[in-house]
PDB file of N, CA and C in Angstrom:
ATOM      1  N   UNK A   1       0.852  -1.185   0.000  1.00  0.00           N
ATOM      2  CA  UNK A   1       0.000   0.000   0.000  1.00  0.00           C
ATOM      3  C   UNK A   1       0.893   1.241   0.000  1.00  0.00           C
ATOM      4  N   UNK A   2       0.599   2.175  -0.863  1.00  0.00           N
ATOM      5  CA  UNK A   2       1.393   3.392  -0.936  1.00  0.00           C
ATOM      6  C   UNK A   2       0.848   4.421   0.037  1.00  0.00           C
ATOM      7  N   UNK A   3       1.609   5.468   0.270  1.00  0.00           N
ATOM      8  CA  UNK A   3       1.157   6.495   1.207  1.00  0.00           C
ATOM      9  C   UNK A   3      -0.069   7.230   0.666  1.00  0.00           C
ATOM     10  N   UNK A   4      -0.163   7.349  -0.662  1.00  0.00           N
ATOM     11  CA  UNK A   4      -1.334   8.003  -1.254  1.00  0.00           C
ATOM     12  C   UNK A   4      -2.587   7.167  -1.023  1.00  0.00           C
ATOM     13  N   UNK A   5      -2.469   5.866  -1.188  1.00  0.00           N
ATOM     14  CA  UNK A   5      -3.618   4.992  -0.962  1.00  0.00           C
ATOM     15  C   UNK A   5      -4.009   4.986   0.510  1.00  0.00           C
ATOM     16  N   UNK A   6      -3.018   5.047   1.403  1.00  0.00           N
ATOM     17  CA  UNK A   6      -3.310   5.052   2.833  1.00  0.00           C
ATOM     18  C   UNK A   6      -4.034   6.334   3.226  1.00  0.00           C
ATOM     19  N   UNK A   7      -3.611   7.461   2.675  1.00  0.00           N
ATOM     20  CA  UNK A   7      -4.274   8.716   3.025  1.00  0.00           C
ATOM     21  C   UNK A   7      -5.675   8.778   2.421  1.00  0.00           C
ATOM     22  N   UNK A   8      -5.878   8.156   1.265  1.00  0.00           N
ATOM     23  CA  UNK A   8      -7.212   8.122   0.669  1.00  0.00           C
ATOM     24  C   UNK A   8      -8.143   7.256   1.514  1.00  0.00           C
ATOM     25  N   UNK A   9      -7.622   6.130   2.021  1.00  0.00           N
ATOM     26  CA  UNK A   9      -8.441   5.290   2.896  1.00  0.00           C
ATOM     27  C   UNK A   9      -8.793   6.018   4.180  1.00  0.00           C
ATOM     28  N   UNK A  10      -7.847   6.771   4.711  1.00  0.00           N
ATOM     29  CA  UNK A  10      -8.096   7.526   5.941  1.00  0.00           C
ATOM     30  C   UNK A  10      -9.177   8.580   5.711  1.00  0.00           C
ATOM     31  N   UNK A  11      -9.131   9.248   4.557  1.00  0.00           N
ATOM     32  CA  UNK A  11     -10.115  10.286   4.261  1.00  0.00           C
ATOM     33  C   UNK A  11     -11.511   9.691   4.131  1.00  0.00           C
ATOM     34  N   UNK A  12     -11.613   8.466   3.614  1.00  0.00           N
ATOM     35  CA  UNK A  12     -12.921   7.845   3.431  1.00  0.00           C
ATOM     36  C   UNK A  12     -13.506   7.343   4.744  1.00  0.00           C
ATOM     37  N   UNK A  13     -12.667   7.065   5.722  1.00  0.00           N
ATOM     38  CA  UNK A  13     -13.164   6.500   6.975  1.00  0.00           C
ATOM     39  C   UNK A  13     -13.374   7.546   8.052  1.00  0.00           C
ATOM     40  N   UNK A  14     -13.218   8.806   7.731  1.00  0.00           N
ATOM     41  CA  UNK A  14     -13.443   9.852   8.736  1.00  0.00           C
ATOM     42  C   UNK A  14     -14.905   9.871   9.155  1.00  0.00           C
ATOM     43  N   UNK A  15     -15.117  10.169  10.407  1.00  0.00           N
ATOM     44  CA  UNK A  15     -16.468  10.231  10.948  1.00  0.00           C
ATOM     45  C   UNK A  15     -17.132  11.530  10.530  1.00  0.00           C
ATOM     46  N   UNK A  16     -18.350  11.425  10.067  1.00  0.00           N
ATOM     47  CA  UNK A  16     -19.114  12.613   9.690  1.00  0.00           C
ATOM     48  C   UNK A  16     -19.593  13.330  10.934  1.00  0.00           C
ATOM     49  N   UNK A  17     -19.629  14.641  10.894  1.00  0.00           N
ATOM     50  CA  UNK A  17     -20.060  15.424  12.050  1.00  0.00           C
ATOM     51  C   UNK A  17     -21.526  15.829  11.961  1.00  0.00           C
ATOM     52  N   UNK A  18     -22.182  15.495  10.882  1.00  0.00           N
ATOM     53  CA  UNK A  18     -23.592  15.834  10.743  1.00  0.00           C
ATOM     54  C   UNK A  18     -23.832  17.162  10.065  1.00  0.00           C
ATOM     55  N   UNK A  19     -22.775  17.812   9.593  1.00  0.00           N
ATOM     56  CA  UNK A  19     -22.927  19.089   8.915  1.00  0.00           C
ATOM     57  C   UNK A  19     -23.427  18.900   7.497  1.00  0.00           C
ATOM     58  N   UNK A  20     -23.711  19.999   6.809  1.00  0.00           N
ATOM     59  CA  UNK A  20     -24.199  19.889   5.435  1.00  0.00           C
ATOM     60  C   UNK A  20     -23.109  19.378   4.505  1.00  0.00           C
ATOM     61  N   UNK A  21     -23.517  18.703   3.439  1.00  0.00           N
ATOM     62  CA  UNK A  21     -22.562  18.172   2.478  1.00  0.00           C
ATOM     63  C   UNK A  21     -22.020  19.262   1.567  1.00  0.00           C
ATOM     64  N   UNK A  22     -22.845  20.230   1.256  1.00  0.00           N
ATOM     65  CA  UNK A  22     -22.385  21.301   0.379  1.00  0.00           C
ATOM     66  C   UNK A  22     -21.778  22.425   1.214  1.00  0.00           C
ATOM     67  N   UNK A  23     -21.161  23.371   0.530  1.00  0.00           N
ATOM     68  CA  UNK A  23     -20.513  24.488   1.206  1.00  0.00           C
ATOM     69  C   UNK A  23     -21.544  25.442   1.794  1.00  0.00           C
ATOM     70  N   UNK A  24     -21.061  26.452   2.499  1.00  0.00           N
ATOM     71  CA  UNK A  24     -21.982  27.416   3.102  1.00  0.00           C
ATOM     72  C   UNK A  24     -22.790  28.168   2.042  1.00  0.00           C
ATOM     73  N   UNK A  25     -24.023  28.391   2.351  1.00  0.00           N
ATOM     74  CA  UNK A  25     -24.919  29.064   1.424  1.00  0.00           C
ATOM     75  C   UNK A  25     -24.819  30.576   1.639  1.00  0.00           C
ATOM     76  N   UNK A  26     -24.791  31.346   0.560  1.00  0.00           N
ATOM     77  CA  UNK A  26     -24.659  32.794   0.651  1.00  0.00           C
ATOM     78  C   UNK A  26     -25.846  33.391   1.402  1.00  0.00           C
ATOM     79  N   UNK A  27     -27.032  32.878   1.141  1.00  0.00           N
ATOM     80  CA  UNK A  27     -28.221  33.400   1.820  1.00  0.00           C
ATOM     81  C   UNK A  27     -28.131  33.179   3.329  1.00  0.00           C
ATOM     82  N   UNK A  28     -27.610  32.040   3.742  1.00  0.00           N
ATOM     83  CA  UNK A  28     -27.450  31.779   5.174  1.00  0.00           C
ATOM     84  C   UNK A  28     -26.470  32.756   5.802  1.00  0.00           C
ATOM     85  N   UNK A  29     -25.401  33.091   5.095  1.00  0.00           N
ATOM     86  CA  UNK A  29     -24.439  34.060   5.606  1.00  0.00           C
ATOM     87  C   UNK A  29     -25.079  35.436   5.752  1.00  0.00           C
ATOM     88  N   UNK A  30     -25.825  35.827   4.744  1.00  0.00           N
ATOM     89  CA  UNK A  30     -26.466  37.148   4.780  1.00  0.00           C
ATOM     90  C   UNK A  30     -27.463  37.214   5.932  1.00  0.00           C
ATOM     91  N   UNK A  31     -28.287  36.187   6.079  1.00  0.00           N
ATOM     92  CA  UNK A  31     -29.265  36.187   7.171  1.00  0.00           C
ATOM     93  C   UNK A  31     -28.583  36.135   8.531  1.00  0.00           C
ATOM     94  N   UNK A  32     -27.502  35.387   8.626  1.00  0.00           N
ATOM     95  CA  UNK A  32     -26.778  35.303   9.896  1.00  0.00           C
ATOM     96  C   UNK A  32     -26.192  36.641  10.304  1.00  0.00           C
ATOM     97  N   UNK A  33     -25.542  37.315   9.363  1.00  0.00           N
ATOM     98  CA  UNK A  33     -24.953  38.605   9.690  1.00  0.00           C
ATOM     99  C   UNK A  33     -26.027  39.662   9.939  1.00  0.00           C
ATOM    100  N   UNK A  34     -27.157  39.556   9.255  1.00  0.00           N
ATOM    101  CA  UNK A  34     -28.258  40.477   9.519  1.00  0.00           C
ATOM    102  C   UNK A  34     -28.764  40.303  10.949  1.00  0.00           C
ATOM    103  N   UNK A  35     -28.871  39.057  11.380  1.00  0.00           N
ATOM    104  CA  UNK A  35     -29.288  38.791  12.761  1.00  0.00           C
ATOM    105  C   UNK A  35     -28.285  39.367  13.752  1.00  0.00           C
ATOM    106  N   UNK A  36     -27.003  39.237  13.478  1.00  0.00           N
ATOM    107  CA  UNK A  36     -25.974  39.781  14.367  1.00  0.00           C
ATOM    108  C   UNK A  36     -26.094  41.295  14.461  1.00  0.00           C
ATOM    109  N   UNK A  37     -26.292  41.959  13.336  1.00  0.00           N
ATOM    110  CA  UNK A  37     -26.391  43.416  13.326  1.00  0.00           C
ATOM    111  C   UNK A  37     -27.646  43.879  14.065  1.00  0.00           C
ATOM    112  N   UNK A  38     -28.763  43.222  13.822  1.00  0.00           N
ATOM    113  CA  UNK A  38     -30.008  43.598  14.498  1.00  0.00           C
ATOM    114  C   UNK A  38     -29.887  43.382  16.007  1.00  0.00           C
ATOM    115  N   UNK A  39     -29.295  42.294  16.414  1.00  0.00           N
ATOM    116  CA  UNK A  39     -29.102  42.036  17.841  1.00  0.00           C
ATOM    117  C   UNK A  39     -28.185  43.087  18.463  1.00  0.00           C
ATOM    118  N   UNK A  40     -27.117  43.476  17.757  1.00  0.00           N
ATOM    119  CA  UNK A  40     -26.211  44.503  18.271  1.00  0.00           C
ATOM    120  C   UNK A  40     -26.920  45.847  18.399  1.00  0.00           C
ATOM    121  N   UNK A  41     -27.768  46.180  17.423  1.00  0.00           N
ATOM    122  CA  UNK A  41     -28.528  47.426  17.506  1.00  0.00           C
ATOM    123  C   UNK A  41     -29.490  47.405  18.676  1.00  0.00           C
ATOM    124  N   UNK A  42     -30.140  46.268  18.900  1.00  0.00           N
ATOM    125  CA  UNK A  42     -31.095  46.135  19.992  1.00  0.00           C
ATOM    126  C   UNK A  42     -30.393  46.286  21.340  1.00  0.00           C
ATOM    127  N   UNK A  43     -29.267  45.627  21.496  1.00  0.00           N
ATOM    128  CA  UNK A  43     -28.512  45.698  22.759  1.00  0.00           C
ATOM    129  C   UNK A  43     -28.020  47.131  23.000  1.00  0.00           C
ATOM    130  N   UNK A  44     -27.574  47.775  21.939  1.00  0.00           N
ATOM    131  CA  UNK A  44     -27.093  49.156  22.073  1.00  0.00           C
ATOM    132  C   UNK A  44     -28.231  50.098  22.456  1.00  0.00           C
ATOM    133  N   UNK A  45     -29.385  49.915  21.859  1.00  0.00           N
ATOM    134  CA  UNK A  45     -30.535  50.773  22.169  1.00  0.00           C
ATOM    135  C   UNK A  45     -30.998  50.597  23.608  1.00  0.00           C
ATOM    136  N   UNK A  46     -30.847  49.389  24.135  1.00  0.00           N
ATOM    137  CA  UNK A  46     -31.230  49.155  25.523  1.00  0.00           C
ATOM    138  C   UNK A  46     -30.192  49.679  26.512  1.00  0.00           C
ATOM    139  N   UNK A  47     -29.039  50.053  26.017  1.00  0.00           N
ATOM    140  CA  UNK A  47     -27.987  50.588  26.872  1.00  0.00           C
ATOM    141  C   UNK A  47     -27.254  49.509  27.648  1.00  0.00           C
ATOM    142  N   UNK A  48     -27.216  48.300  27.123  1.00  0.00           N
ATOM    143  CA  UNK A  48     -26.546  47.212  27.832  1.00  0.00           C
ATOM    144  C   UNK A  48     -25.040  47.203  27.565  1.00  0.00           C
ATOM    145  N   UNK A  49     -24.600  48.007  26.613  1.00  0.00           N
ATOM    146  CA  UNK A  49     -23.154  48.090  26.337  1.00  0.00           C
ATOM    147  C   UNK A  49     -22.658  49.454  26.731  1.00  0.00           C
TER     148      UNK A  49
END
């Protein structure tokens, strides 16, 4: 067995973490950052910072 074959076998046997198979979605990033900004504005308006 070559080192390339060994590393390929290792990559195939890695445990899945349950995350999505595809990359991050642009819409999810936009909505996530929008939530962060709205939460920061809310906290600032309440005078908690």
